[in-house]
């Protein structure tokens, strides 16, 4: 019996994962990954790199992708709360340009699987948040790509967190979605 609930979203392959949490007066225990269960749910990937970031309220990281060493990501929040988004950048997909968003928090303990061929980003809704993710390929700084978080073609409805979004200088320089070709995602 699996210790995970796998929920398909409106975009096939983008999956919300809710772990079974075992708690008592001492605290809680949960599995965060078990290959056999994830393979049965259709996530048959080898994760090769784990990352963690810490951010303050209003930080908006993304929307990021890699043109080489394309990464699938299994993301979760270990403290705080974020709104996490996956944008379909696969030009041959029937959901090209659509997004799925989900609130991830230390409280709900949900995870979000973002497959290869998607841009990914998140906005911090709490005072601080620690964000962890497993990747199916290594980070390659020469292959960075992105889409503006407020791109009108995509129209992401980011929740209000009481302050203006805080982004990096690099994230402010991305080409709009409509001006990108995304040929590197044609195989997905």
C-alpha atoms as a PDB file:
ATOM      1  CA  UNK A   1       0.000   0.000   0.000  1.00  0.00           C
ATOM      2  CA  UNK A   2       1.386   3.399  -1.014  1.00  0.00           C
ATOM      3  CA  UNK A   3       2.048   6.174   1.467  1.00  0.00           C
ATOM      4  CA  UNK A   4       1.263   8.754  -1.238  1.00  0.00           C
ATOM      5  CA  UNK A   5      -1.822  10.088  -2.980  1.00  0.00           C
ATOM      6  CA  UNK A   6      -1.046  11.066  -6.595  1.00  0.00           C
ATOM      7  CA  UNK A   7      -3.460  13.591  -8.107  1.00  0.00           C
ATOM      8  CA  UNK A   8      -3.407  14.332 -11.830  1.00  0.00           C
ATOM      9  CA  UNK A   9      -3.960  17.964 -12.762  1.00  0.00           C
ATOM     10  CA  UNK A  10      -5.525  19.543 -15.855  1.00  0.00           C
ATOM     11  CA  UNK A  11      -2.144  19.098 -17.587  1.00  0.00           C
ATOM     12  CA  UNK A  12      -1.201  15.408 -17.959  1.00  0.00           C
ATOM     13  CA  UNK A  13       2.082  14.586 -16.259  1.00  0.00           C
ATOM     14  CA  UNK A  14       1.894  17.474 -13.771  1.00  0.00           C
ATOM     15  CA  UNK A  15       1.047  15.750 -10.510  1.00  0.00           C
ATOM     16  CA  UNK A  16       0.225  16.868  -6.971  1.00  0.00           C
ATOM     17  CA  UNK A  17       1.592  14.381  -4.430  1.00  0.00           C
ATOM     18  CA  UNK A  18       0.207  14.218  -0.907  1.00  0.00           C
ATOM     19  CA  UNK A  19       2.160  12.023   1.494  1.00  0.00           C
ATOM     20  CA  UNK A  20       0.558  10.039   4.285  1.00  0.00           C
ATOM     21  CA  UNK A  21       1.613  11.671   7.564  1.00  0.00           C
ATOM     22  CA  UNK A  22       1.910   9.596  10.732  1.00  0.00           C
ATOM     23  CA  UNK A  23       1.679  11.806  13.815  1.00  0.00           C
ATOM     24  CA  UNK A  24       1.412  11.505  17.550  1.00  0.00           C
ATOM     25  CA  UNK A  25       2.373  13.513  20.637  1.00  0.00           C
ATOM     26  CA  UNK A  26       6.061  13.315  19.614  1.00  0.00           C
ATOM     27  CA  UNK A  27       5.563  14.929  16.205  1.00  0.00           C
ATOM     28  CA  UNK A  28       5.211  13.292  12.802  1.00  0.00           C
ATOM     29  CA  UNK A  29       6.873  11.016  10.264  1.00  0.00           C
ATOM     30  CA  UNK A  30       6.334  10.800   6.517  1.00  0.00           C
ATOM     31  CA  UNK A  31       8.028   9.398   3.452  1.00  0.00           C
ATOM     32  CA  UNK A  32       8.957  12.108   0.964  1.00  0.00           C
ATOM     33  CA  UNK A  33       9.962   9.789  -1.860  1.00  0.00           C
ATOM     34  CA  UNK A  34       9.765   6.082  -2.605  1.00  0.00           C
ATOM     35  CA  UNK A  35      10.813   5.094  -6.107  1.00  0.00           C
ATOM     36  CA  UNK A  36       8.443   2.116  -6.437  1.00  0.00           C
ATOM     37  CA  UNK A  37       5.370   4.214  -5.578  1.00  0.00           C
ATOM     38  CA  UNK A  38       6.373   7.058  -7.880  1.00  0.00           C
ATOM     39  CA  UNK A  39       7.034   4.673 -10.783  1.00  0.00           C
ATOM     40  CA  UNK A  40       3.577   3.123 -10.285  1.00  0.00           C
ATOM     41  CA  UNK A  41       2.119   6.660 -10.468  1.00  0.00           C
ATOM     42  CA  UNK A  42       3.894   7.325 -13.790  1.00  0.00           C
ATOM     43  CA  UNK A  43       6.870   9.288 -12.452  1.00  0.00           C
ATOM     44  CA  UNK A  44       9.565   6.919 -13.669  1.00  0.00           C
ATOM     45  CA  UNK A  45      12.501   9.294 -13.326  1.00  0.00           C
ATOM     46  CA  UNK A  46      15.906   9.174 -11.739  1.00  0.00           C
ATOM     47  CA  UNK A  47      16.572  12.173  -9.537  1.00  0.00           C
ATOM     48  CA  UNK A  48      20.219  13.251  -9.685  1.00  0.00           C
ATOM     49  CA  UNK A  49      20.371  16.552  -7.774  1.00  0.00           C
ATOM     50  CA  UNK A  50      18.647  17.989  -4.693  1.00  0.00           C
ATOM     51  CA  UNK A  51      18.380  21.747  -4.063  1.00  0.00           C
ATOM     52  CA  UNK A  52      17.078  23.962  -1.269  1.00  0.00           C
ATOM     53  CA  UNK A  53      16.383  27.685  -1.098  1.00  0.00           C
ATOM     54  CA  UNK A  54      15.204  30.138   1.529  1.00  0.00           C
ATOM     55  CA  UNK A  55      13.204  33.226   0.598  1.00  0.00           C
ATOM     56  CA  UNK A  56      11.238  36.041   2.246  1.00  0.00           C
ATOM     57  CA  UNK A  57       7.628  37.136   1.693  1.00  0.00           C
ATOM     58  CA  UNK A  58       6.973  38.328  -1.865  1.00  0.00           C
ATOM     59  CA  UNK A  59      10.005  36.698  -3.468  1.00  0.00           C
ATOM     60  CA  UNK A  60       9.018  35.345  -6.856  1.00  0.00           C
ATOM     61  CA  UNK A  61      11.510  32.900  -8.341  1.00  0.00           C
ATOM     62  CA  UNK A  62      10.874  32.015 -11.955  1.00  0.00           C
ATOM     63  CA  UNK A  63       9.579  31.164 -14.352  1.00  0.00           C
ATOM     64  CA  UNK A  64      12.692  29.072 -15.092  1.00  0.00           C
ATOM     65  CA  UNK A  65      13.658  26.239 -17.442  1.00  0.00           C
ATOM     66  CA  UNK A  66      16.810  24.816 -19.013  1.00  0.00           C
ATOM     67  CA  UNK A  67      17.305  24.466 -22.757  1.00  0.00           C
ATOM     68  CA  UNK A  68      19.816  21.609 -22.261  1.00  0.00           C
ATOM     69  CA  UNK A  69      19.865  19.167 -19.350  1.00  0.00           C
ATOM     70  CA  UNK A  70      16.114  19.725 -19.142  1.00  0.00           C
ATOM     71  CA  UNK A  71      14.937  19.107 -15.609  1.00  0.00           C
ATOM     72  CA  UNK A  72      11.884  17.467 -14.141  1.00  0.00           C
ATOM     73  CA  UNK A  73      11.382  18.614 -10.561  1.00  0.00           C
ATOM     74  CA  UNK A  74       9.713  17.187  -7.465  1.00  0.00           C
ATOM     75  CA  UNK A  75       9.204  20.227  -5.227  1.00  0.00           C
ATOM     76  CA  UNK A  76       8.021  20.764  -1.657  1.00  0.00           C
ATOM     77  CA  UNK A  77       8.086  23.332   1.139  1.00  0.00           C
ATOM     78  CA  UNK A  78       9.563  22.456   4.540  1.00  0.00           C
ATOM     79  CA  UNK A  79       8.751  25.772   6.249  1.00  0.00           C
ATOM     80  CA  UNK A  80       6.338  28.509   5.265  1.00  0.00           C
ATOM     81  CA  UNK A  81       4.040  28.644   2.247  1.00  0.00           C
ATOM     82  CA  UNK A  82       4.414  29.284  -1.490  1.00  0.00           C
ATOM     83  CA  UNK A  83       2.266  29.339  -4.597  1.00  0.00           C
ATOM     84  CA  UNK A  84       4.015  27.018  -7.046  1.00  0.00           C
ATOM     85  CA  UNK A  85       3.461  27.062 -10.817  1.00  0.00           C
ATOM     86  CA  UNK A  86       4.253  24.820 -13.802  1.00  0.00           C
ATOM     87  CA  UNK A  87       3.856  26.268 -17.333  1.00  0.00           C
ATOM     88  CA  UNK A  88       3.650  23.912 -20.325  1.00  0.00           C
ATOM     89  CA  UNK A  89       6.365  24.944 -22.825  1.00  0.00           C
ATOM     90  CA  UNK A  90       6.079  21.872 -25.061  1.00  0.00           C
ATOM     91  CA  UNK A  91       5.146  23.224 -28.516  1.00  0.00           C
ATOM     92  CA  UNK A  92       3.508  19.926 -29.570  1.00  0.00           C
ATOM     93  CA  UNK A  93       1.314  19.717 -26.468  1.00  0.00           C
ATOM     94  CA  UNK A  94      -2.441  20.331 -26.460  1.00  0.00           C
ATOM     95  CA  UNK A  95      -1.897  22.325 -23.229  1.00  0.00           C
ATOM     96  CA  UNK A  96       0.977  24.472 -24.610  1.00  0.00           C
ATOM     97  CA  UNK A  97       1.048  27.809 -22.765  1.00  0.00           C
ATOM     98  CA  UNK A  98      -1.273  26.669 -19.977  1.00  0.00           C
ATOM     99  CA  UNK A  99      -0.288  26.525 -16.320  1.00  0.00           C
ATOM    100  CA  UNK A 100      -1.137  24.690 -13.126  1.00  0.00           C
ATOM    101  CA  UNK A 101      -0.674  26.339  -9.738  1.00  0.00           C
ATOM    102  CA  UNK A 102      -0.840  24.871  -6.256  1.00  0.00           C
ATOM    103  CA  UNK A 103      -0.216  26.093  -2.718  1.00  0.00           C
ATOM    104  CA  UNK A 104       2.583  24.135  -1.070  1.00  0.00           C
ATOM    105  CA  UNK A 105       3.245  24.577   2.623  1.00  0.00           C
ATOM    106  CA  UNK A 106       4.911  23.021   5.623  1.00  0.00           C
ATOM    107  CA  UNK A 107       1.400  22.505   6.954  1.00  0.00           C
ATOM    108  CA  UNK A 108      -0.199  20.714   3.968  1.00  0.00           C
ATOM    109  CA  UNK A 109       3.038  18.832   3.147  1.00  0.00           C
ATOM    110  CA  UNK A 110       1.997  18.505  -0.510  1.00  0.00           C
ATOM    111  CA  UNK A 111       4.579  18.003  -3.243  1.00  0.00           C
ATOM    112  CA  UNK A 112       4.353  18.974  -6.888  1.00  0.00           C
ATOM    113  CA  UNK A 113       5.897  17.096  -9.801  1.00  0.00           C
ATOM    114  CA  UNK A 114       6.848  19.368 -12.708  1.00  0.00           C
ATOM    115  CA  UNK A 115       7.975  17.310 -15.750  1.00  0.00           C
ATOM    116  CA  UNK A 116      10.642  18.146 -18.296  1.00  0.00           C
ATOM    117  CA  UNK A 117       9.395  20.659 -20.870  1.00  0.00           C
ATOM    118  CA  UNK A 118       7.844  23.013 -18.316  1.00  0.00           C
ATOM    119  CA  UNK A 119       8.838  26.376 -16.891  1.00  0.00           C
ATOM    120  CA  UNK A 120       8.667  26.492 -13.109  1.00  0.00           C
ATOM    121  CA  UNK A 121       8.362  29.222 -10.520  1.00  0.00           C
ATOM    122  CA  UNK A 122       6.999  30.071  -7.096  1.00  0.00           C
ATOM    123  CA  UNK A 123       5.948  33.044  -4.990  1.00  0.00           C
ATOM    124  CA  UNK A 124       6.468  33.149  -1.220  1.00  0.00           C
ATOM    125  CA  UNK A 125       3.215  33.829   0.659  1.00  0.00           C
ATOM    126  CA  UNK A 126       4.523  33.551   4.247  1.00  0.00           C
ATOM    127  CA  UNK A 127       7.130  35.652   6.103  1.00  0.00           C
ATOM    128  CA  UNK A 128       9.793  33.155   5.001  1.00  0.00           C
ATOM    129  CA  UNK A 129       9.808  29.828   3.191  1.00  0.00           C
ATOM    130  CA  UNK A 130      12.259  26.997   2.716  1.00  0.00           C
ATOM    131  CA  UNK A 131      11.801  25.243  -0.603  1.00  0.00           C
ATOM    132  CA  UNK A 132      13.308  21.833  -1.511  1.00  0.00           C
ATOM    133  CA  UNK A 133      13.383  20.078  -4.842  1.00  0.00           C
ATOM    134  CA  UNK A 134      14.735  16.978  -6.509  1.00  0.00           C
ATOM    135  CA  UNK A 135      15.839  17.309 -10.155  1.00  0.00           C
ATOM    136  CA  UNK A 136      16.081  14.737 -12.944  1.00  0.00           C
ATOM    137  CA  UNK A 137      19.159  16.427 -14.453  1.00  0.00           C
ATOM    138  CA  UNK A 138      21.970  18.700 -13.291  1.00  0.00           C
ATOM    139  CA  UNK A 139      21.857  22.481 -13.273  1.00  0.00           C
ATOM    140  CA  UNK A 140      23.592  23.995 -16.308  1.00  0.00           C
ATOM    141  CA  UNK A 141      24.147  27.771 -16.046  1.00  0.00           C
ATOM    142  CA  UNK A 142      24.832  27.971 -19.809  1.00  0.00           C
ATOM    143  CA  UNK A 143      21.335  26.628 -20.571  1.00  0.00           C
ATOM    144  CA  UNK A 144      19.208  28.918 -18.401  1.00  0.00           C
ATOM    145  CA  UNK A 145      15.940  30.168 -19.823  1.00  0.00           C
ATOM    146  CA  UNK A 146      12.838  31.804 -18.519  1.00  0.00           C
ATOM    147  CA  UNK A 147       9.556  33.592 -19.008  1.00  0.00           C
ATOM    148  CA  UNK A 148       8.437  36.774 -17.198  1.00  0.00           C
ATOM    149  CA  UNK A 149       6.290  35.879 -14.175  1.00  0.00           C
ATOM    150  CA  UNK A 150       3.646  38.368 -15.316  1.00  0.00           C
ATOM    151  CA  UNK A 151       3.555  37.317 -18.977  1.00  0.00           C
ATOM    152  CA  UNK A 152       0.087  38.234 -20.329  1.00  0.00           C
ATOM    153  CA  UNK A 153       0.000  35.258 -22.727  1.00  0.00           C
ATOM    154  CA  UNK A 154       0.063  32.868 -19.774  1.00  0.00           C
ATOM    155  CA  UNK A 155      -1.929  35.042 -17.361  1.00  0.00           C
ATOM    156  CA  UNK A 156      -0.905  33.454 -14.067  1.00  0.00           C
ATOM    157  CA  UNK A 157      -3.123  34.581 -11.204  1.00  0.00           C
ATOM    158  CA  UNK A 158      -0.501  34.952  -8.458  1.00  0.00           C
ATOM    159  CA  UNK A 159      -2.020  35.239  -4.965  1.00  0.00           C
ATOM    160  CA  UNK A 160      -1.589  38.524  -3.115  1.00  0.00           C
ATOM    161  CA  UNK A 161       0.845  38.283  -0.225  1.00  0.00           C
ATOM    162  CA  UNK A 162       0.650  41.914   0.892  1.00  0.00           C
ATOM    163  CA  UNK A 163       3.663  43.246  -1.019  1.00  0.00           C
ATOM    164  CA  UNK A 164       4.996  43.716  -4.534  1.00  0.00           C
ATOM    165  CA  UNK A 165       6.826  40.732  -6.083  1.00  0.00           C
ATOM    166  CA  UNK A 166      10.568  40.668  -5.426  1.00  0.00           C
ATOM    167  CA  UNK A 167      12.428  39.246  -8.439  1.00  0.00           C
ATOM    168  CA  UNK A 168      16.040  38.975  -9.543  1.00  0.00           C
ATOM    169  CA  UNK A 169      17.538  41.271 -12.182  1.00  0.00           C
ATOM    170  CA  UNK A 170      18.016  38.190 -14.377  1.00  0.00           C
ATOM    171  CA  UNK A 171      14.321  37.257 -14.146  1.00  0.00           C
ATOM    172  CA  UNK A 172      13.347  40.729 -15.370  1.00  0.00           C
ATOM    173  CA  UNK A 173      15.213  40.144 -18.663  1.00  0.00           C
ATOM    174  CA  UNK A 174      13.371  37.074 -19.982  1.00  0.00           C
ATOM    175  CA  UNK A 175      11.684  37.255 -23.381  1.00  0.00           C
ATOM    176  CA  UNK A 176       7.887  37.067 -23.393  1.00  0.00           C
ATOM    177  CA  UNK A 177       6.361  33.633 -23.957  1.00  0.00           C
ATOM    178  CA  UNK A 178       5.053  34.600 -27.434  1.00  0.00           C
ATOM    179  CA  UNK A 179       8.578  35.509 -28.607  1.00  0.00           C
ATOM    180  CA  UNK A 180      10.166  32.183 -27.648  1.00  0.00           C
ATOM    181  CA  UNK A 181      10.375  29.159 -29.937  1.00  0.00           C
ATOM    182  CA  UNK A 182      10.725  26.344 -27.355  1.00  0.00           C
ATOM    183  CA  UNK A 183      12.168  23.974 -29.996  1.00  0.00           C
ATOM    184  CA  UNK A 184      14.290  22.347 -27.267  1.00  0.00           C
ATOM    185  CA  UNK A 185      11.040  20.977 -25.758  1.00  0.00           C
ATOM    186  CA  UNK A 186       9.697  19.402 -28.987  1.00  0.00           C
ATOM    187  CA  UNK A 187      10.671  15.889 -27.869  1.00  0.00           C
ATOM    188  CA  UNK A 188       8.405  16.007 -24.807  1.00  0.00           C
END
